[in-house]
Structures are given as structure tokens and as C-alpha cells.
Amino acid sequence: MEKPRILVVEDDLHMLGFLKSALEQNGLVPLPASDCERALRIHARTPADLAILDYKLPRETSGLELAGLLKRQDNRMPVIVITGYSTEDLAIEALRVGVDEYFPKPLMIEDLLRSIERLLPARESRKRPTSAEPTRIIPDLIDGHRMVGESLSVREIKAYIGKVAKTDSNVLIIGETGTGKELVAELIHRNSDRAKKPFICLNCAAIPDTLLESELFGHERGAFTGAHAPQEGKLKLADGGTVFLDEIGDMSLSTQAKMLRMLDKKPIQRLGGRRDVTLDVRIIAATNQDLEGLISCGRFRRDLYFRLNVAQIVLPPLRDRKQDISLLLHHFIAELNRRCAKQVKGVSGDLLKHLLQHDWPGNIRELKNIIEACLLNLSYGTIGLAEIPEHYGIILAEGVTDEKELLLSALLSTKWNKSKAAQKLNWSRMTVYRKMAKFHITRGGRTENEAPKTPGRDTTVTASHRCDSMATDEADLPFRPFVPFA
């Protein structure tokens, strides 16, 4: 199989030589260049499979401008940008020109190599050749690509997961709702010696306290009303594997006592039973509560806390790792495109700006839900402000200072009711219509010039065409959340 060709554009000759050597030692063919002009000549003569570009290049052309030129020649070629000037504005601009990933300096070569392997089309079937002096690479986690992010906190968590997985210690995962606690637990299990044994999840908050003990330890026939036959508990089903106990803070004190006995490697009994059962399971617990606070209130056993808290992983909320939002968007859109047969390219710069300003109380789960909601009505193109469903209007309202964005936010939050939008903005209804015409705002969210025409049928109604019927409020018209465009 032909080795992949990697275009590397870097004006620092020491850095260029380092990248060239690392790529060669990992079975890749580097095509080095020190400026934009040389890069374009090399790519025209020997088309690359992927490009790595420095953000700061000599003369007037930046790495992002070069990325745009390369994408126009071949929009399927992945582009990675390396920068020492990582900012939110750069993230927005990088996403706009189609950059697939960007890495801040100082560069972690292991992260770059993993990214290259993920982005190359034939990465699944390609094996890296051995070298006499291979670049030292931290082994990838199995399914580690599912934990998306290149922020320092995420890189540290991935490295710690690799260390914890090799042990048999109990783990306590702490984090807000939606930060990915179950994913971390699954990664620990899949990278451990117990990977071929069961991984059983149990949400302690979702099961009534009267049934939780039975779910964990099982029960004998007649142990309680409705127990018509004996049943194995989740712990027994996971024998030899891993049990993930989510929301451990909601477990009752009596069940905590039995858990403590099991963690001490002592036999347990089914509910209503007399026969001892010895288990070999690893416990990974998770909570979004302050367990130490629950201990002081007498609602959680201190000795159980110490048994569970051998290894501790604290997951940061999304608001503390906003530099990962563009990567998460890329991941979720690609995943939903595959799952739902869509061809959505990404999000607009305006929308990304709003998403970066949001505080994300629902964390990664909230971000994923928003993107999934957008793709319900969008099959291709770019997700813009107009594609955000009305019940997510609060996200668009945050930090809006631009008049057009302010109007669009008000229309979305009032389900396109012009009268209510006018009241919200403290404008007259005539002003709302006038501004809609000025900014070419339509129900489908496209300008008049962008809206394509289907033969024999108008696909959208622009605000400027509707100004002659201002007496009729458009709130009752059928909602058209998306107008297809080329």
C-alpha cells in the first residue's frame, strides 16, 4: 500500500525537521515546505493526503489562508493547523475555512500522530512500520477517540485513564451531569484486563431504594411481594468484570453497608437468602454530588467513601474547556452524518461565536442534543443561527450585541411572532418588519439571493416580499425551519 503523503508547512527549520523526522519514523511521507508558495507548488506536483500548517507563515499569507486555498483545490483533504496563538477568534476562523483540527504550541507529537491517523481515509487498515529508533508514543486507549478534546485537562484525564486501567483499584468519578462519566468508566473497563468480561451499568438514582438492593445482590423466591422466582443480581452478572454505579450518592445507608462488605472481599447474600456468594468485580462509582458534604450530614458512609475513592477522576465542565467545543462539534456532526445519512458540513462562524459564549449547564450532553436537534431539519449545508430550535433560544440571546442577531434571537424565542418579538425588543411592529427586510431575514433563515427555486414553486418567502401584508401576523404560518441550498 502506498504510504500517505503529508504536506508540512513550517517556517521554523528546526520544527520542520522535527516534524519531518517524526512522520518518517511513523510510516508517513513528509512533503516539507517553509512558505505558502513552495507549499502550493509541491502540492500541485505531488498531491498530499493531509496538510499540517503553521499559523504564522512568512510574508502576508497565514496558515489559515493557505488552508482555505488547499481546501478549495481539494475539500476532502484534512488540514491540521499548529499555532502558538490559540484564541476563540482563531477557533471560529479555523472552523470557517474548514480546518479539521488545530493544536496549540508547545506541540505534543503523540497527539498530532493520533490526529493524523484518525483523519486519514485509510487509517483503519494502515499499520505503522517499525523503526530502529521509533518516536516514543503513548499507546492509544481502546476507543479513546470517543473522548474528544485536546485541552490540557482532557489530555491529562486520558493519560490517567491509561494508568488506572492497568490496575484493579476502585475508581470514583466526579463531575457535573453530562460531562461523560459513563464514557470514562467504559474506557477504564475496555482498557483493563477485565475487558473481555461484562461491563454492567446501574443508575442508583433511577431505581427505587426498595428495589436497589435486589438489583445489586439479587433475591430469592418469596423475598418480597412479587418475587416469584430467584434472580441473580447485577454484581453476580458482572462477576470477573466491572460494575459502574452511577449517582452513588443516592444509595441508601443499608445498601451502602452491604456494598462495603462486598468491597472488603467478604461473601454477600441475596435478598432473603442464606447462602453466601463470593464475587470478583471491580467497582467504578460516579457522582455529581459532594460526597464529603453527604458524609457530614450522615447520608453517606465515610468508610465506603474511602473504599471507592482509591483512584479519583474529576471531569471538568464544558464551560472550563471551551477550546474543545469546535472539536466536539466536528465529532458530533460527523457521527450524526454517518448515522442519519446527512451531509452537514459544520456550523457557521456566527453560531460558533454564540456557542462559545454559552455557559453549558448541561455540558457535553447539552451540546450534542442541540446539534442533533438541528440535524432533524437539515440534510446538508451549514448549521446557522436560524437552524437552532426555538426552545434553545436562550443560547442565542446570550451576549448578542449585533442588531441582526438581536432581531433573529427575538424571533426565534417568540416562535416568529412579530408582535411578541417587537415587545421583547421594545420596537414597533413596523420596525421589526423593516429590519427583517433590511437584513433579508426569512422564516427559513436564508437571504433572498441564497434561496434556490424549485421549478414551478417558491421554496421560501422573504421578508421583503411580505411587507405588503403586515396586517397578518406570520406566527400562524407553517414553520419552515430549513430551505435546501446548494
Protein backbone atom coordinates (compact mmCIF):
# COMPACT_ATOMS: atom_id res chain seq x y z
CA MET A 1 0.00 0.00 0.00
CA GLU A 2 1.31 3.46 -0.90
CA LYS A 3 2.40 5.48 2.11
CA PRO A 4 0.31 8.59 2.86
CA ARG A 5 1.86 11.91 1.85
CA ILE A 6 1.77 14.72 4.44
CA LEU A 7 2.32 18.33 3.38
CA VAL A 8 4.18 20.10 6.23
CA VAL A 9 4.43 23.90 6.06
CA GLU A 10 6.57 25.48 8.80
CA ASP A 11 8.98 28.42 8.59
CA ASP A 12 10.95 27.32 11.68
CA LEU A 13 13.52 24.96 10.14
CA HIS A 14 14.18 23.16 13.44
CA MET A 15 10.46 22.47 13.90
CA LEU A 16 10.16 21.48 10.24
CA GLY A 17 12.99 18.98 10.63
CA PHE A 18 11.47 17.57 13.82
CA LEU A 19 8.06 17.04 12.17
CA LYS A 20 9.67 15.54 9.07
CA SER A 21 11.61 13.02 11.18
CA ALA A 22 8.58 12.08 13.31
CA LEU A 23 6.41 11.49 10.25
CA GLU A 24 9.05 9.38 8.51
CA GLN A 25 9.53 7.20 11.61
CA ASN A 26 5.79 6.51 11.66
CA GLY A 27 5.47 5.30 8.07
CA LEU A 28 4.39 8.60 6.51
CA VAL A 29 5.93 10.57 3.63
CA PRO A 30 6.52 14.23 4.56
CA LEU A 31 6.40 16.92 1.88
CA PRO A 32 8.18 19.82 3.65
CA ALA A 33 7.84 23.49 2.72
CA SER A 34 8.82 26.69 4.52
CA ASP A 35 6.29 29.08 2.95
CA CYS A 36 2.94 29.22 1.14
CA GLU A 37 4.28 29.49 -2.39
CA ARG A 38 6.54 26.44 -2.08
CA ALA A 39 3.71 24.51 -0.45
CA LEU A 40 1.32 25.18 -3.32
CA ARG A 41 3.97 24.21 -5.90
CA ILE A 42 4.73 20.96 -4.06
CA HIS A 43 1.05 20.11 -3.69
CA ALA A 44 0.41 20.80 -7.39
CA ARG A 45 3.29 18.48 -8.35
CA THR A 46 2.65 15.78 -5.68
CA PRO A 47 -0.87 15.99 -4.18
CA ALA A 48 -0.83 15.41 -0.43
CA ASP A 49 -3.24 13.24 1.56
CA LEU A 50 -3.17 15.61 4.58
CA ALA A 51 -1.67 19.01 5.40
CA ILE A 52 -0.03 20.28 8.62
CA LEU A 53 0.27 24.08 8.55
CA ASP A 54 1.84 26.58 10.92
CA TYR A 55 -0.48 29.50 11.63
CA LYS A 56 2.29 32.10 11.33
CA LEU A 57 3.97 31.92 7.93
CA PRO A 58 6.43 34.34 6.27
CA ARG A 59 5.14 37.18 4.09
CA GLU A 60 1.47 38.02 4.13
CA THR A 61 -0.17 34.61 3.84
CA SER A 62 -1.24 32.90 7.09
CA GLY A 63 -1.71 29.21 7.69
CA LEU A 64 -5.49 29.70 7.68
CA GLU A 65 -5.36 31.43 4.30
CA LEU A 66 -3.26 28.58 2.94
CA ALA A 67 -5.77 26.11 4.43
CA GLY A 68 -8.55 27.88 2.51
CA LEU A 69 -6.57 27.66 -0.74
CA LEU A 70 -5.87 23.95 -0.24
CA LYS A 71 -9.50 23.24 0.67
CA ARG A 72 -10.67 24.98 -2.50
CA GLN A 73 -8.43 22.69 -4.53
CA ASP A 74 -9.49 19.54 -2.65
CA ASN A 75 -12.13 19.94 0.05
CA ARG A 76 -11.70 16.29 1.11
CA MET A 77 -8.10 16.76 2.22
CA PRO A 78 -7.82 17.02 6.04
CA VAL A 79 -5.96 20.09 7.33
CA ILE A 80 -4.32 20.50 10.74
CA VAL A 81 -3.10 23.91 11.93
CA ILE A 82 -0.41 24.37 14.59
CA THR A 83 -0.45 27.67 16.44
CA GLY A 84 1.11 29.45 19.36
CA TYR A 85 -1.76 31.96 19.35
CA SER A 86 -4.78 29.86 20.35
CA THR A 87 -7.85 32.07 20.86
CA GLU A 88 -11.62 31.79 20.43
CA ASP A 89 -11.44 34.06 17.36
CA LEU A 90 -8.88 31.74 15.81
CA ALA A 91 -11.12 28.73 16.52
CA ILE A 92 -14.01 30.46 14.75
CA GLU A 93 -11.89 31.42 11.75
CA ALA A 94 -10.32 27.95 11.55
CA LEU A 95 -13.74 26.31 11.51
CA ARG A 96 -14.94 28.77 8.85
CA VAL A 97 -12.17 27.89 6.39
CA GLY A 98 -12.60 24.15 7.00
CA VAL A 99 -9.65 23.29 9.26
CA ASP A 100 -10.21 19.85 10.74
CA GLU A 101 -8.08 20.28 13.89
CA TYR A 102 -5.63 22.73 15.36
CA PHE A 103 -3.04 22.24 18.08
CA PRO A 104 -1.50 24.84 20.39
CA LYS A 105 2.24 25.06 20.89
CA PRO A 106 4.20 23.52 22.55
CA LEU A 107 3.12 20.59 20.39
CA MET A 108 2.57 17.08 21.77
CA ILE A 109 3.78 14.89 18.89
CA GLU A 110 1.79 11.91 20.20
CA ASP A 111 -1.46 13.90 19.93
CA LEU A 112 -0.57 15.05 16.41
CA LEU A 113 0.17 11.49 15.24
CA ARG A 114 -3.11 10.23 16.69
CA SER A 115 -4.96 13.02 14.90
CA ILE A 116 -3.26 12.17 11.59
CA GLU A 117 -4.20 8.51 11.98
CA ARG A 118 -7.82 9.45 12.69
CA LEU A 119 -8.14 11.90 9.80
CA LEU A 120 -6.52 9.86 7.04
CA PRO A 121 -9.16 8.00 4.98
CA ALA A 122 -7.36 4.63 5.13
CA ARG A 123 -6.34 4.89 8.78
CA GLU A 124 -8.24 1.77 9.86
CA SER A 125 -6.29 -0.58 7.58
CA ARG A 126 -2.91 1.14 7.80
CA LYS A 127 -0.28 -0.24 10.17
CA ARG A 128 2.72 1.78 11.19
CA PRO A 129 6.01 0.12 10.21
CA THR A 130 8.57 -0.45 12.90
CA SER A 131 11.70 1.65 13.04
CA ALA A 132 15.10 1.15 14.54
CA GLU A 133 14.58 4.31 16.57
CA PRO A 134 10.81 4.86 16.73
CA THR A 135 9.30 8.04 18.09
CA ARG A 136 8.13 7.40 21.65
CA ILE A 137 4.36 7.28 21.50
CA ILE A 138 1.94 6.77 24.38
CA PRO A 139 -0.30 3.84 23.35
CA ASP A 140 -3.78 4.92 22.30
CA LEU A 141 -6.66 3.99 24.54
CA ILE A 142 -9.02 1.50 23.01
CA ASP A 143 -11.95 3.67 21.85
CA GLY A 144 -10.01 6.67 23.17
CA HIS A 145 -11.14 8.69 20.12
CA ARG A 146 -14.60 8.82 21.70
CA MET A 147 -13.27 11.12 24.41
CA VAL A 148 -12.95 14.21 22.25
CA GLY A 149 -10.75 17.12 23.22
CA GLU A 150 -7.21 18.45 23.11
CA SER A 151 -7.38 20.75 26.14
CA LEU A 152 -4.80 20.14 28.87
CA SER A 153 -7.41 18.72 31.27
CA VAL A 154 -8.68 16.19 28.71
CA ARG A 155 -5.16 15.07 27.78
CA GLU A 156 -4.35 14.57 31.47
CA ILE A 157 -7.53 12.55 32.01
CA LYS A 158 -6.78 10.30 29.01
CA ALA A 159 -3.27 9.65 30.33
CA TYR A 160 -4.62 8.90 33.82
CA ILE A 161 -7.25 6.52 32.43
CA GLY A 162 -4.43 4.55 30.81
CA LYS A 163 -2.66 4.26 34.17
CA VAL A 164 -5.78 3.43 36.22
CA ALA A 165 -6.98 0.82 33.70
CA LYS A 166 -3.84 -1.27 34.26
CA THR A 167 -4.66 -1.64 37.97
CA ASP A 168 -7.62 -3.28 39.67
CA SER A 169 -8.29 -0.35 42.01
CA ASN A 170 -11.77 1.03 42.60
CA VAL A 171 -12.38 4.40 40.95
CA LEU A 172 -14.54 7.39 41.89
CA ILE A 173 -15.51 9.70 39.00
CA ILE A 174 -16.74 13.17 39.97
CA GLY A 175 -18.38 15.55 37.55
CA GLU A 176 -21.49 17.50 36.68
CA THR A 177 -24.34 15.92 34.74
CA GLY A 178 -23.44 15.48 31.07
CA THR A 179 -19.64 15.58 31.43
CA GLY A 180 -19.14 11.97 30.29
CA LYS A 181 -18.77 9.95 33.50
CA GLU A 182 -20.14 6.73 31.98
CA LEU A 183 -17.81 7.07 28.96
CA VAL A 184 -14.79 7.36 31.27
CA ALA A 185 -15.93 4.28 33.21
CA GLU A 186 -16.31 2.33 29.97
CA LEU A 187 -12.85 3.40 28.76
CA ILE A 188 -11.30 2.20 32.04
CA HIS A 189 -13.02 -1.18 31.65
CA ARG A 190 -12.19 -1.59 27.95
CA ASN A 191 -8.51 -0.87 28.57
CA SER A 192 -8.23 -3.18 31.60
CA ASP A 193 -7.53 -6.90 31.96
CA ARG A 194 -11.27 -7.32 32.61
CA ALA A 195 -12.20 -6.06 29.12
CA LYS A 196 -13.47 -9.45 27.93
CA LYS A 197 -15.73 -9.78 30.97
CA PRO A 198 -19.09 -7.96 31.45
CA PHE A 199 -19.41 -4.21 31.97
CA ILE A 200 -22.64 -3.61 33.90
CA CYS A 201 -24.11 -0.12 34.49
CA LEU A 202 -26.57 0.71 37.25
CA ASN A 203 -28.05 4.14 37.94
CA CYS A 204 -28.64 4.29 41.68
CA ALA A 205 -30.91 7.33 41.34
CA ALA A 206 -33.20 5.69 38.76
CA ILE A 207 -34.13 2.65 40.87
CA PRO A 208 -36.36 2.96 43.95
CA ASP A 209 -34.45 2.38 47.16
CA THR A 210 -36.63 -0.64 47.99
CA LEU A 211 -35.53 -2.35 44.75
CA LEU A 212 -31.89 -1.23 44.55
CA GLU A 213 -30.61 -3.87 46.95
CA SER A 214 -32.38 -6.59 44.97
CA GLU A 215 -30.96 -5.24 41.70
CA LEU A 216 -27.44 -5.29 43.10
CA PHE A 217 -27.38 -8.51 45.09
CA GLY A 218 -30.30 -10.49 43.65
CA HIS A 219 -33.15 -12.11 45.58
CA GLU A 220 -34.61 -15.47 46.49
CA ARG A 221 -38.12 -16.57 45.73
CA GLY A 222 -40.57 -15.03 48.20
CA ALA A 223 -38.08 -12.40 49.45
CA PHE A 224 -40.72 -9.73 48.84
CA THR A 225 -44.12 -9.35 47.20
CA GLY A 226 -43.77 -10.20 43.52
CA ALA A 227 -40.55 -12.20 43.90
CA HIS A 228 -41.94 -15.33 42.27
CA ALA A 229 -38.56 -16.76 41.27
CA PRO A 230 -34.93 -16.35 42.34
CA GLN A 231 -32.91 -13.78 40.41
CA GLU A 232 -29.23 -13.04 40.07
CA GLY A 233 -28.13 -9.51 40.95
CA LYS A 234 -26.12 -7.14 38.75
CA LEU A 235 -23.00 -7.80 40.79
CA LYS A 236 -23.20 -11.55 40.13
CA LEU A 237 -23.85 -10.95 36.41
CA ALA A 238 -20.68 -8.85 36.30
CA ASP A 239 -18.52 -11.46 38.07
CA GLY A 240 -14.98 -11.11 36.75
CA GLY A 241 -15.80 -7.76 35.11
CA THR A 242 -16.68 -4.22 36.09
CA VAL A 243 -19.75 -2.62 37.67
CA PHE A 244 -20.40 1.08 37.08
CA LEU A 245 -22.56 2.60 39.84
CA ASP A 246 -23.79 6.00 38.65
CA GLU A 247 -25.15 8.53 41.16
CA ILE A 248 -23.67 6.60 44.08
CA GLY A 249 -24.67 9.43 46.41
CA ASP A 250 -28.33 8.33 46.14
CA MET A 251 -27.65 4.86 47.57
CA SER A 252 -29.33 4.14 50.92
CA LEU A 253 -27.24 3.57 54.06
CA SER A 254 -28.37 -0.06 54.37
CA THR A 255 -27.28 -0.83 50.79
CA GLN A 256 -24.03 1.04 51.42
CA ALA A 257 -23.30 -1.32 54.30
CA LYS A 258 -23.67 -4.36 52.04
CA MET A 259 -21.52 -2.73 49.37
CA LEU A 260 -18.82 -2.13 51.95
CA ARG A 261 -18.84 -5.81 52.92
CA MET A 262 -18.53 -6.86 49.29
CA LEU A 263 -15.63 -4.42 48.71
CA ASP A 264 -13.86 -5.99 51.68
CA LYS A 265 -13.90 -9.25 49.68
CA LYS A 266 -16.37 -10.82 52.06
CA PRO A 267 -19.26 -13.06 50.94
CA ILE A 268 -22.66 -11.46 50.33
CA GLN A 269 -26.15 -12.94 50.32
CA ARG A 270 -29.12 -12.50 48.04
CA LEU A 271 -32.08 -10.64 49.47
CA GLY A 272 -33.99 -13.23 51.53
CA GLY A 273 -31.23 -15.78 51.08
CA ARG A 274 -28.87 -17.60 53.43
CA ARG A 275 -26.23 -18.92 51.05
CA ASP A 276 -23.02 -16.88 50.80
CA VAL A 277 -21.91 -15.66 47.37
CA THR A 278 -18.32 -14.54 46.75
CA LEU A 279 -17.78 -12.08 43.89
CA ASP A 280 -14.84 -10.77 41.90
CA VAL A 281 -15.84 -7.39 40.49
CA ARG A 282 -14.22 -4.02 40.06
CA ILE A 283 -16.34 -1.07 41.18
CA ILE A 284 -16.32 2.25 39.37
CA ALA A 285 -18.63 4.77 41.04
CA ALA A 286 -19.69 8.21 39.86
CA THR A 287 -21.48 11.17 41.36
CA ASN A 288 -22.36 14.79 40.70
CA GLN A 289 -22.83 15.39 44.43
CA ASP A 290 -20.45 16.47 47.19
CA LEU A 291 -19.90 13.14 48.94
CA GLU A 292 -17.89 14.74 51.74
CA GLY A 293 -20.85 17.02 52.40
CA LEU A 294 -23.17 13.98 52.44
CA ILE A 295 -20.81 12.31 54.94
CA SER A 296 -21.03 15.27 57.31
CA CYS A 297 -24.84 15.13 57.00
CA GLY A 298 -24.83 11.42 57.86
CA ARG A 299 -26.16 10.38 54.44
CA PHE A 300 -23.05 8.61 53.16
CA ARG A 301 -20.67 6.25 54.91
CA ARG A 302 -17.16 7.59 55.36
CA ASP A 303 -15.62 4.10 55.19
CA LEU A 304 -17.38 3.38 51.89
CA TYR A 305 -16.16 6.71 50.52
CA PHE A 306 -12.56 5.76 51.27
CA ARG A 307 -13.03 2.30 49.69
CA LEU A 308 -14.38 3.82 46.48
CA ASN A 309 -12.04 6.81 46.32
CA VAL A 310 -8.83 4.87 45.69
CA ALA A 311 -8.38 6.50 42.27
CA GLN A 312 -10.28 9.72 41.63
CA ILE A 313 -11.05 11.33 38.28
CA VAL A 314 -12.61 14.80 38.23
CA LEU A 315 -14.23 15.71 34.91
CA PRO A 316 -14.22 19.43 34.05
CA PRO A 317 -17.48 21.10 32.96
CA LEU A 318 -17.66 22.18 29.32
CA ARG A 319 -17.54 25.87 30.31
CA ASP A 320 -13.98 25.25 31.59
CA ARG A 321 -12.79 23.60 28.35
CA LYS A 322 -14.44 25.73 25.67
CA GLN A 323 -11.41 25.31 23.39
CA ASP A 324 -12.72 21.76 22.81
CA ILE A 325 -16.12 22.91 21.53
CA SER A 326 -15.07 23.11 17.86
CA LEU A 327 -13.63 19.55 18.06
CA LEU A 328 -16.80 18.28 19.75
CA LEU A 329 -18.92 19.90 17.05
CA HIS A 330 -16.83 18.25 14.34
CA HIS A 331 -17.15 14.87 16.12
CA PHE A 332 -20.92 15.05 16.71
CA ILE A 333 -21.72 16.29 13.19
CA ALA A 334 -19.60 13.54 11.63
CA GLU A 335 -21.25 10.93 13.88
CA LEU A 336 -24.78 12.14 13.05
CA ASN A 337 -23.95 12.38 9.34
CA ARG A 338 -23.00 8.70 9.36
CA ARG A 339 -25.92 7.62 11.50
CA CYS A 340 -28.62 9.62 9.75
CA ALA A 341 -27.24 9.73 6.18
CA LYS A 342 -26.76 13.52 6.29
CA GLN A 343 -24.19 15.74 4.59
CA VAL A 344 -23.90 18.65 7.01
CA LYS A 345 -20.50 20.38 6.73
CA GLY A 346 -20.29 22.21 10.06
CA VAL A 347 -21.55 25.33 11.82
CA SER A 348 -21.38 28.96 10.79
CA GLY A 349 -18.94 31.37 12.41
CA ASP A 350 -21.82 33.37 13.93
CA LEU A 351 -23.29 30.27 15.56
CA LEU A 352 -19.91 29.11 16.86
CA LYS A 353 -19.44 32.52 18.44
CA HIS A 354 -22.72 32.08 20.34
CA LEU A 355 -21.87 28.54 21.36
CA LEU A 356 -18.53 29.70 22.77
CA GLN A 357 -20.32 32.36 24.84
CA HIS A 358 -22.83 29.91 26.36
CA ASP A 359 -22.20 28.55 29.89
CA TRP A 360 -23.39 24.98 29.07
CA PRO A 361 -25.18 23.92 32.28
CA GLY A 362 -25.95 20.60 30.56
CA ASN A 363 -22.32 20.22 29.43
CA ILE A 364 -21.38 17.90 26.53
CA ARG A 365 -24.78 16.21 26.54
CA GLU A 366 -26.46 19.59 26.00
CA LEU A 367 -24.15 20.40 23.08
CA LYS A 368 -24.82 17.02 21.45
CA ASN A 369 -28.58 17.40 21.89
CA ILE A 370 -28.54 20.83 20.23
CA ILE A 371 -26.62 19.53 17.20
CA GLU A 372 -28.92 16.52 16.93
CA ALA A 373 -31.97 18.79 17.10
CA CYS A 374 -30.53 20.96 14.30
CA LEU A 375 -29.95 17.96 12.04
CA LEU A 376 -33.57 16.83 12.33
CA ASN A 377 -34.49 19.51 9.79
CA LEU A 378 -31.16 19.91 7.99
CA SER A 379 -29.80 17.38 5.50
CA TYR A 380 -26.83 19.25 4.08
CA GLY A 381 -25.09 22.61 4.17
CA THR A 382 -24.02 24.50 7.28
CA ILE A 383 -25.82 24.86 10.61
CA GLY A 384 -26.53 28.55 11.19
CA LEU A 385 -28.34 30.61 13.79
CA ALA A 386 -31.69 30.01 12.10
CA GLU A 387 -31.38 26.22 12.46
CA ILE A 388 -31.30 26.36 16.28
CA PRO A 389 -34.73 25.16 17.53
CA GLU A 390 -36.85 27.75 19.32
CA HIS A 391 -36.60 26.04 22.72
CA TYR A 392 -32.85 26.71 22.62
CA GLY A 393 -33.43 30.43 22.03
CA ILE A 394 -31.78 31.39 25.34
CA ILE A 395 -28.43 30.27 23.90
CA LEU A 396 -28.74 32.74 21.06
CA ALA A 397 -29.85 35.57 23.35
CA GLU A 398 -26.65 35.46 25.43
CA GLY A 399 -24.08 38.09 24.59
CA VAL A 400 -25.86 39.37 21.49
CA THR A 401 -24.95 42.93 20.55
CA ASP A 402 -25.33 42.86 16.76
CA GLU A 403 -28.71 44.27 15.65
CA LYS A 404 -29.36 41.49 13.11
CA GLU A 405 -28.50 38.78 15.65
CA LEU A 406 -30.61 40.52 18.28
CA LEU A 407 -33.64 40.51 15.96
CA LEU A 408 -33.10 36.88 14.96
CA SER A 409 -32.80 35.84 18.61
CA ALA A 410 -36.07 37.61 19.45
CA LEU A 411 -37.88 35.96 16.52
CA LEU A 412 -36.62 32.51 17.47
CA SER A 413 -37.50 32.91 21.14
CA THR A 414 -41.07 34.02 20.25
CA LYS A 415 -41.61 31.33 17.58
CA TRP A 416 -41.52 34.02 14.86
CA ASN A 417 -44.40 36.00 16.32
CA LYS A 418 -43.65 39.54 15.11
CA SER A 419 -45.79 41.28 17.72
CA LYS A 420 -44.15 39.46 20.63
CA ALA A 421 -40.69 39.98 19.11
CA ALA A 422 -41.41 43.72 18.86
CA GLN A 423 -42.47 43.81 22.52
CA LYS A 424 -39.36 41.88 23.54
CA LEU A 425 -37.11 44.34 21.69
CA ASN A 426 -39.16 47.40 22.70
CA TRP A 427 -39.60 48.17 18.99
CA SER A 428 -42.70 48.88 16.96
CA ARG A 429 -44.04 46.06 14.84
CA MET A 430 -43.28 48.15 11.74
CA THR A 431 -39.64 48.37 12.86
CA VAL A 432 -39.43 44.57 13.11
CA TYR A 433 -40.69 44.20 9.53
CA ARG A 434 -38.40 46.96 8.30
CA LYS A 435 -35.35 45.37 9.95
CA MET A 436 -36.31 41.94 8.60
CA ALA A 437 -36.42 43.40 5.10
CA LYS A 438 -33.13 45.25 5.67
CA PHE A 439 -31.28 42.10 6.79
CA HIS A 440 -33.19 39.75 4.43
CA ILE A 441 -34.32 37.59 7.34
CA THR A 442 -36.76 34.86 6.35
CA ARG A 443 -38.50 32.05 8.15
CA GLY A 444 -36.04 29.61 6.56
CA GLY A 445 -33.12 31.71 7.71
CA ARG A 446 -31.70 32.46 4.20
CA THR A 447 -31.29 35.72 2.36
CA GLU A 448 -33.38 36.37 -0.72
CA ASN A 449 -30.43 35.71 -3.02
CA GLU A 450 -29.46 32.45 -1.30
CA ALA A 451 -32.88 30.80 -1.54
CA PRO A 452 -32.99 28.40 -4.51
CA LYS A 453 -36.08 27.97 -6.61
CA THR A 454 -37.76 24.66 -7.29
CA PRO A 455 -39.39 24.63 -10.76
CA GLY A 456 -42.98 25.77 -10.52
CA ARG A 457 -42.81 26.50 -6.80
CA ASP A 458 -41.36 29.11 -4.45
CA THR A 459 -39.32 27.45 -1.72
CA THR A 460 -39.32 30.44 0.63
CA VAL A 461 -41.00 33.76 1.25
CA THR A 462 -38.64 36.62 2.00
CA ALA A 463 -39.46 39.35 4.46
CA SER A 464 -39.27 41.97 1.73
CA HIS A 465 -41.98 40.16 -0.26
CA ARG A 466 -44.24 40.00 2.77
CA CYS A 467 -44.10 43.63 3.85
CA ASP A 468 -47.25 44.36 1.86
CA SER A 469 -49.23 42.03 4.17
CA MET A 470 -48.16 43.36 7.52
CA ALA A 471 -51.69 43.28 8.81
CA THR A 472 -51.43 39.49 9.07
CA ASP A 473 -49.07 38.14 11.72
CA GLU A 474 -46.96 35.29 10.34
CA ALA A 475 -46.94 33.36 13.60
CA ASP A 476 -49.68 31.08 12.31
CA LEU A 477 -47.96 30.27 9.01
CA PRO A 478 -46.45 26.78 8.61
CA PHE A 479 -42.93 26.71 10.08
CA ARG A 480 -40.19 26.04 7.54
CA PRO A 481 -37.03 25.56 9.61
CA PHE A 482 -34.76 24.85 6.63
CA VAL A 483 -34.61 25.74 2.96
CA PRO A 484 -32.25 23.46 0.98
CA PHE A 485 -29.41 25.24 -0.71
CA ALA A 486 -26.58 24.21 -2.99
